[in-house]
Amino acid sequence: MARKDGTYCFVEVKARESDAYGLPAEAVDRAKRQRYRMIAGYFCAYLKEEVPVRFDVASVFEGGLEYFEGAFV
């Protein structure tokens, strides 16, 4: 997790050596997105307040990095 401009960013980092099973960012499926939403809910409960959150995905492939801010809601 990171924080930028008062927003807490939950970041999923995915890496692949080949695209045989799809690109790294494609591995963030519906179940994983739901899990991150639950984690954010628990985090807000821990803080005892609603805070701005964002879900990002970092995709590492073929020596490069692609970063998707606000990849899902």
N, C-alpha and C. Protein backbone atom coordinates (compact mmCIF):
# COMPACT_ATOMS: atom_id res chain seq x y z
N MET A 1 0.85 -1.16 0.00
CA MET A 1 0.00 0.00 0.00
C MET A 1 0.90 1.23 0.00
N ALA A 2 0.44 2.25 -0.66
CA ALA A 2 1.16 3.51 -0.73
C ALA A 2 0.16 4.63 -0.44
N ARG A 3 0.67 5.81 -0.27
CA ARG A 3 -0.21 6.95 -0.03
C ARG A 3 0.26 8.11 -0.90
N LYS A 4 -0.68 8.72 -1.61
CA LYS A 4 -0.34 9.84 -2.48
C LYS A 4 -1.43 10.89 -2.37
N ASP A 5 -1.06 12.10 -2.04
CA ASP A 5 -2.01 13.22 -1.94
C ASP A 5 -3.23 12.88 -1.08
N GLY A 6 -2.99 12.19 0.04
CA GLY A 6 -4.07 11.86 0.97
C GLY A 6 -4.89 10.66 0.58
N THR A 7 -4.59 10.03 -0.55
CA THR A 7 -5.31 8.84 -0.99
C THR A 7 -4.45 7.61 -0.73
N TYR A 8 -5.06 6.60 -0.12
CA TYR A 8 -4.36 5.33 0.11
C TYR A 8 -4.48 4.48 -1.14
N CYS A 9 -3.36 4.02 -1.64
CA CYS A 9 -3.32 3.25 -2.88
C CYS A 9 -2.98 1.81 -2.58
N PHE A 10 -3.89 0.93 -2.88
CA PHE A 10 -3.65 -0.51 -2.76
C PHE A 10 -3.12 -0.97 -4.11
N VAL A 11 -1.92 -1.53 -4.11
CA VAL A 11 -1.24 -1.85 -5.37
C VAL A 11 -1.03 -3.36 -5.48
N GLU A 12 -1.54 -3.93 -6.56
CA GLU A 12 -1.28 -5.34 -6.89
C GLU A 12 -0.16 -5.35 -7.92
N VAL A 13 0.92 -6.05 -7.61
CA VAL A 13 2.06 -6.15 -8.53
C VAL A 13 2.04 -7.54 -9.14
N LYS A 14 2.01 -7.59 -10.47
CA LYS A 14 2.01 -8.86 -11.18
C LYS A 14 3.17 -8.88 -12.16
N ALA A 15 3.85 -10.02 -12.24
CA ALA A 15 4.98 -10.16 -13.16
C ALA A 15 4.82 -11.47 -13.93
N ARG A 16 5.25 -11.45 -15.18
CA ARG A 16 5.22 -12.64 -16.02
C ARG A 16 6.48 -12.66 -16.87
N GLU A 17 6.96 -13.86 -17.15
CA GLU A 17 8.11 -14.01 -18.04
C GLU A 17 7.68 -14.26 -19.48
N SER A 18 6.43 -14.69 -19.66
CA SER A 18 5.89 -14.86 -21.01
C SER A 18 4.41 -14.54 -20.98
N ASP A 19 3.83 -14.41 -22.16
CA ASP A 19 2.40 -14.12 -22.21
C ASP A 19 1.57 -15.38 -22.49
N ALA A 20 2.15 -16.53 -22.21
CA ALA A 20 1.46 -17.81 -22.44
C ALA A 20 0.14 -17.88 -21.66
N TYR A 21 0.09 -17.27 -20.51
CA TYR A 21 -1.13 -17.27 -19.69
C TYR A 21 -1.75 -15.88 -19.62
N GLY A 22 -1.44 -15.04 -20.57
CA GLY A 22 -1.97 -13.68 -20.59
C GLY A 22 -0.97 -12.69 -20.00
N LEU A 23 -1.30 -11.44 -20.15
CA LEU A 23 -0.45 -10.38 -19.61
C LEU A 23 -0.63 -10.28 -18.10
N PRO A 24 0.36 -9.76 -17.40
CA PRO A 24 0.29 -9.73 -15.94
C PRO A 24 -0.97 -9.04 -15.40
N ALA A 25 -1.32 -7.91 -15.94
CA ALA A 25 -2.47 -7.16 -15.41
C ALA A 25 -3.77 -7.95 -15.58
N GLU A 26 -3.82 -8.86 -16.56
CA GLU A 26 -5.03 -9.64 -16.77
C GLU A 26 -5.27 -10.66 -15.65
N ALA A 27 -4.27 -10.89 -14.83
CA ALA A 27 -4.40 -11.84 -13.72
C ALA A 27 -5.17 -11.26 -12.54
N VAL A 28 -5.45 -9.97 -12.58
CA VAL A 28 -6.23 -9.33 -11.51
C VAL A 28 -7.70 -9.51 -11.89
N ASP A 29 -8.23 -10.66 -11.52
CA ASP A 29 -9.58 -11.03 -11.91
C ASP A 29 -10.62 -10.50 -10.91
N ARG A 30 -11.87 -10.85 -11.15
CA ARG A 30 -12.98 -10.37 -10.33
C ARG A 30 -12.79 -10.72 -8.85
N ALA A 31 -12.36 -11.95 -8.57
CA ALA A 31 -12.17 -12.39 -7.17
C ALA A 31 -11.08 -11.57 -6.48
N LYS A 32 -10.01 -11.32 -7.19
CA LYS A 32 -8.91 -10.54 -6.60
C LYS A 32 -9.35 -9.10 -6.37
N ARG A 33 -10.10 -8.53 -7.30
CA ARG A 33 -10.59 -7.16 -7.12
C ARG A 33 -11.52 -7.09 -5.91
N GLN A 34 -12.38 -8.09 -5.75
CA GLN A 34 -13.28 -8.13 -4.60
C GLN A 34 -12.50 -8.24 -3.29
N ARG A 35 -11.45 -9.04 -3.30
CA ARG A 35 -10.60 -9.19 -2.11
C ARG A 35 -9.96 -7.85 -1.73
N TYR A 36 -9.50 -7.10 -2.72
CA TYR A 36 -8.91 -5.79 -2.43
C TYR A 36 -9.94 -4.83 -1.87
N ARG A 37 -11.17 -4.89 -2.38
CA ARG A 37 -12.23 -4.03 -1.83
C ARG A 37 -12.49 -4.36 -0.36
N MET A 38 -12.48 -5.66 -0.04
CA MET A 38 -12.68 -6.08 1.36
C MET A 38 -11.52 -5.59 2.23
N ILE A 39 -10.31 -5.73 1.73
CA ILE A 39 -9.13 -5.27 2.48
C ILE A 39 -9.24 -3.78 2.75
N ALA A 40 -9.65 -3.01 1.76
CA ALA A 40 -9.81 -1.56 1.94
C ALA A 40 -10.88 -1.28 2.99
N GLY A 41 -11.95 -2.05 3.00
CA GLY A 41 -12.98 -1.89 4.01
C GLY A 41 -12.46 -2.16 5.41
N TYR A 42 -11.68 -3.23 5.55
CA TYR A 42 -11.06 -3.54 6.85
C TYR A 42 -10.10 -2.44 7.26
N PHE A 43 -9.37 -1.90 6.29
CA PHE A 43 -8.42 -0.82 6.58
C PHE A 43 -9.15 0.40 7.12
N CYS A 44 -10.25 0.77 6.47
CA CYS A 44 -11.04 1.93 6.94
C CYS A 44 -11.61 1.65 8.33
N ALA A 45 -12.05 0.43 8.57
CA ALA A 45 -12.56 0.06 9.90
C ALA A 45 -11.46 0.18 10.94
N TYR A 46 -10.25 -0.22 10.59
CA TYR A 46 -9.11 -0.11 11.50
C TYR A 46 -8.83 1.36 11.83
N LEU A 47 -8.90 2.21 10.82
CA LEU A 47 -8.66 3.64 11.04
C LEU A 47 -9.85 4.31 11.72
N LYS A 48 -11.01 3.64 11.71
CA LYS A 48 -12.25 4.18 12.26
C LYS A 48 -12.71 5.43 11.53
N GLU A 49 -12.45 5.45 10.22
CA GLU A 49 -12.93 6.53 9.38
C GLU A 49 -12.85 6.11 7.92
N GLU A 50 -13.68 6.72 7.11
CA GLU A 50 -13.62 6.48 5.67
C GLU A 50 -12.52 7.37 5.11
N VAL A 51 -11.64 6.79 4.36
CA VAL A 51 -10.55 7.55 3.74
C VAL A 51 -10.59 7.27 2.24
N PRO A 52 -10.07 8.20 1.44
CA PRO A 52 -10.05 7.95 0.00
C PRO A 52 -9.07 6.81 -0.32
N VAL A 53 -9.53 5.87 -1.14
CA VAL A 53 -8.68 4.75 -1.55
C VAL A 53 -8.71 4.63 -3.07
N ARG A 54 -7.64 4.03 -3.58
CA ARG A 54 -7.53 3.79 -5.01
C ARG A 54 -6.89 2.42 -5.20
N PHE A 55 -7.27 1.73 -6.25
CA PHE A 55 -6.72 0.41 -6.53
C PHE A 55 -5.89 0.48 -7.81
N ASP A 56 -4.60 0.22 -7.68
CA ASP A 56 -3.68 0.29 -8.80
C ASP A 56 -3.13 -1.09 -9.12
N VAL A 57 -2.64 -1.25 -10.35
CA VAL A 57 -2.00 -2.50 -10.77
C VAL A 57 -0.67 -2.14 -11.42
N ALA A 58 0.40 -2.80 -10.96
CA ALA A 58 1.72 -2.66 -11.58
C ALA A 58 1.99 -3.96 -12.33
N SER A 59 2.24 -3.83 -13.62
CA SER A 59 2.43 -4.98 -14.50
C SER A 59 3.88 -5.01 -14.99
N VAL A 60 4.60 -6.08 -14.63
CA VAL A 60 6.00 -6.22 -15.02
C VAL A 60 6.07 -7.31 -16.08
N PHE A 61 6.60 -6.94 -17.27
CA PHE A 61 6.65 -7.88 -18.38
C PHE A 61 7.76 -7.48 -19.34
N GLU A 62 8.54 -8.45 -19.74
CA GLU A 62 9.63 -8.25 -20.70
C GLU A 62 10.53 -7.08 -20.31
N GLY A 63 10.88 -7.01 -19.04
CA GLY A 63 11.80 -5.98 -18.56
C GLY A 63 11.19 -4.60 -18.42
N GLY A 64 9.91 -4.47 -18.68
CA GLY A 64 9.26 -3.16 -18.57
C GLY A 64 8.22 -3.15 -17.47
N LEU A 65 7.83 -1.96 -17.09
CA LEU A 65 6.81 -1.77 -16.06
C LEU A 65 5.71 -0.90 -16.61
N GLU A 66 4.49 -1.37 -16.47
CA GLU A 66 3.32 -0.58 -16.82
C GLU A 66 2.52 -0.39 -15.54
N TYR A 67 2.16 0.85 -15.23
CA TYR A 67 1.47 1.15 -13.98
C TYR A 67 0.10 1.73 -14.30
N PHE A 68 -0.95 1.08 -13.76
CA PHE A 68 -2.32 1.51 -14.01
C PHE A 68 -2.91 2.11 -12.73
N GLU A 69 -3.02 3.44 -12.68
CA GLU A 69 -3.66 4.09 -11.53
C GLU A 69 -5.18 3.96 -11.69
N GLY A 70 -5.83 3.66 -10.58
CA GLY A 70 -7.28 3.53 -10.62
C GLY A 70 -7.72 2.42 -11.57
N ALA A 71 -7.03 1.28 -11.50
CA ALA A 71 -7.28 0.18 -12.41
C ALA A 71 -8.69 -0.38 -12.27
N PHE A 72 -9.26 -0.27 -11.08
CA PHE A 72 -10.64 -0.70 -10.86
C PHE A 72 -11.19 0.02 -9.66
N VAL A 73 -12.51 -0.05 -9.49
CA VAL A 73 -13.18 0.60 -8.36
C VAL A 73 -13.85 -0.42 -7.50
